[in-house]
Amino acid sequence: MTAILQVSQVVSAVLIIISILLQHRGTGIGGAFGGEDMSYRSRRGIESLLFKSTILFVAVFLVVSIAQLFV
């Protein structure tokens, strides 16, 4: 059981890294100081899918990490 949890934790961690690296890079903290020229736009298509899948992978990672505490 612990081996399955460890493998799923590693797989979800790798998927989190990949999905974050594939996302569009924003301006970061530069927008807080007035350096942002772009207007707000919503995520569509593959960008929305990557964003939602990143949230899913993080949730899976957290659940597996908590499950490992009790096994």
C-alpha atoms as a PDB file:
ATOM      1  CA  MET A   1       0.000   0.000   0.000  1.00  0.00           C
ATOM      2  CA  THR A   2       2.789   2.432   0.837  1.00  0.00           C
ATOM      3  CA  ALA A   3       4.516   1.677  -2.462  1.00  0.00           C
ATOM      4  CA  ILE A   4       1.367   2.591  -4.387  1.00  0.00           C
ATOM      5  CA  LEU A   5       1.046   5.837  -2.444  1.00  0.00           C
ATOM      6  CA  GLN A   6       4.693   6.716  -3.002  1.00  0.00           C
ATOM      7  CA  VAL A   7       4.504   6.063  -6.734  1.00  0.00           C
ATOM      8  CA  SER A   8       1.291   8.061  -7.072  1.00  0.00           C
ATOM      9  CA  GLN A   9       2.857  10.924  -5.122  1.00  0.00           C
ATOM     10  CA  VAL A  10       5.888  11.008  -7.416  1.00  0.00           C
ATOM     11  CA  VAL A  11       3.708  10.794 -10.530  1.00  0.00           C
ATOM     12  CA  SER A  12       1.442  13.596  -9.342  1.00  0.00           C
ATOM     13  CA  ALA A  13       4.481  15.740  -8.454  1.00  0.00           C
ATOM     14  CA  VAL A  14       5.922  15.266 -11.938  1.00  0.00           C
ATOM     15  CA  LEU A  15       2.545  16.095 -13.498  1.00  0.00           C
ATOM     16  CA  ILE A  16       2.327  19.265 -11.392  1.00  0.00           C
ATOM     17  CA  ILE A  17       5.769  20.353 -12.565  1.00  0.00           C
ATOM     18  CA  ILE A  18       4.954  19.666 -16.215  1.00  0.00           C
ATOM     19  CA  SER A  19       1.588  21.408 -16.108  1.00  0.00           C
ATOM     20  CA  ILE A  20       3.080  24.488 -14.424  1.00  0.00           C
ATOM     21  CA  LEU A  21       5.911  24.690 -16.940  1.00  0.00           C
ATOM     22  CA  LEU A  22       3.472  24.464 -19.857  1.00  0.00           C
ATOM     23  CA  GLN A  23       1.339  27.363 -18.624  1.00  0.00           C
ATOM     24  CA  HIS A  24       1.690  30.854 -20.052  1.00  0.00           C
ATOM     25  CA  ARG A  25       4.063  32.992 -18.048  1.00  0.00           C
ATOM     26  CA  GLY A  26       2.444  36.108 -16.583  1.00  0.00           C
ATOM     27  CA  THR A  27       4.024  39.360 -15.536  1.00  0.00           C
ATOM     28  CA  GLY A  28       4.302  38.212 -11.953  1.00  0.00           C
ATOM     29  CA  ILE A  29       4.865  40.882  -9.344  1.00  0.00           C
ATOM     30  CA  GLY A  30       5.552  43.540 -11.985  1.00  0.00           C
ATOM     31  CA  GLY A  31       1.823  44.106 -12.376  1.00  0.00           C
ATOM     32  CA  ALA A  32       1.577  45.219  -8.757  1.00  0.00           C
ATOM     33  CA  PHE A  33       3.757  48.247  -9.476  1.00  0.00           C
ATOM     34  CA  GLY A  34       1.950  49.446 -12.592  1.00  0.00           C
ATOM     35  CA  GLY A  35       4.084  47.620 -15.112  1.00  0.00           C
ATOM     36  CA  GLU A  36       1.228  45.647 -16.602  1.00  0.00           C
ATOM     37  CA  ASP A  37      -0.159  46.827 -19.945  1.00  0.00           C
ATOM     38  CA  MET A  38      -2.428  43.877 -20.664  1.00  0.00           C
ATOM     39  CA  SER A  39      -6.102  43.913 -19.857  1.00  0.00           C
ATOM     40  CA  TYR A  40      -7.736  41.029 -18.026  1.00  0.00           C
ATOM     41  CA  ARG A  41      -8.635  38.051 -20.184  1.00  0.00           C
ATOM     42  CA  SER A  42     -10.181  34.731 -19.355  1.00  0.00           C
ATOM     43  CA  ARG A  43      -8.549  31.368 -19.918  1.00  0.00           C
ATOM     44  CA  ARG A  44      -9.835  29.449 -22.902  1.00  0.00           C
ATOM     45  CA  GLY A  45      -9.183  26.110 -24.510  1.00  0.00           C
ATOM     46  CA  ILE A  46      -5.918  24.407 -23.658  1.00  0.00           C
ATOM     47  CA  GLU A  47      -4.951  27.163 -21.221  1.00  0.00           C
ATOM     48  CA  SER A  48      -8.084  26.498 -19.180  1.00  0.00           C
ATOM     49  CA  LEU A  49      -7.488  22.748 -19.335  1.00  0.00           C
ATOM     50  CA  LEU A  50      -3.904  23.153 -18.080  1.00  0.00           C
ATOM     51  CA  PHE A  51      -5.047  25.426 -15.246  1.00  0.00           C
ATOM     52  CA  LYS A  52      -7.774  23.035 -14.097  1.00  0.00           C
ATOM     53  CA  SER A  53      -5.552  19.973 -14.432  1.00  0.00           C
ATOM     54  CA  THR A  54      -2.865  21.671 -12.329  1.00  0.00           C
ATOM     55  CA  ILE A  55      -5.420  22.212  -9.572  1.00  0.00           C
ATOM     56  CA  LEU A  56      -6.491  18.565  -9.860  1.00  0.00           C
ATOM     57  CA  PHE A  57      -2.892  17.301  -9.673  1.00  0.00           C
ATOM     58  CA  VAL A  58      -2.226  19.446  -6.596  1.00  0.00           C
ATOM     59  CA  ALA A  59      -5.376  18.097  -4.926  1.00  0.00           C
ATOM     60  CA  VAL A  60      -4.319  14.508  -5.682  1.00  0.00           C
ATOM     61  CA  PHE A  61      -0.842  15.237  -4.347  1.00  0.00           C
ATOM     62  CA  LEU A  62      -2.258  16.647  -1.099  1.00  0.00           C
ATOM     63  CA  VAL A  63      -4.658  13.734  -0.594  1.00  0.00           C
ATOM     64  CA  VAL A  64      -1.917  11.175  -1.200  1.00  0.00           C
ATOM     65  CA  SER A  65       0.460  13.029   1.123  1.00  0.00           C
ATOM     66  CA  ILE A  66      -2.118  13.072   3.906  1.00  0.00           C
ATOM     67  CA  ALA A  67      -2.938   9.399   3.274  1.00  0.00           C
ATOM     68  CA  GLN A  68       0.730   8.513   3.715  1.00  0.00           C
ATOM     69  CA  LEU A  69       0.621   9.942   7.225  1.00  0.00           C
ATOM     70  CA  PHE A  70      -1.933   7.341   8.264  1.00  0.00           C
ATOM     71  CA  VAL A  71      -0.451   4.299   6.516  1.00  0.00           C
END
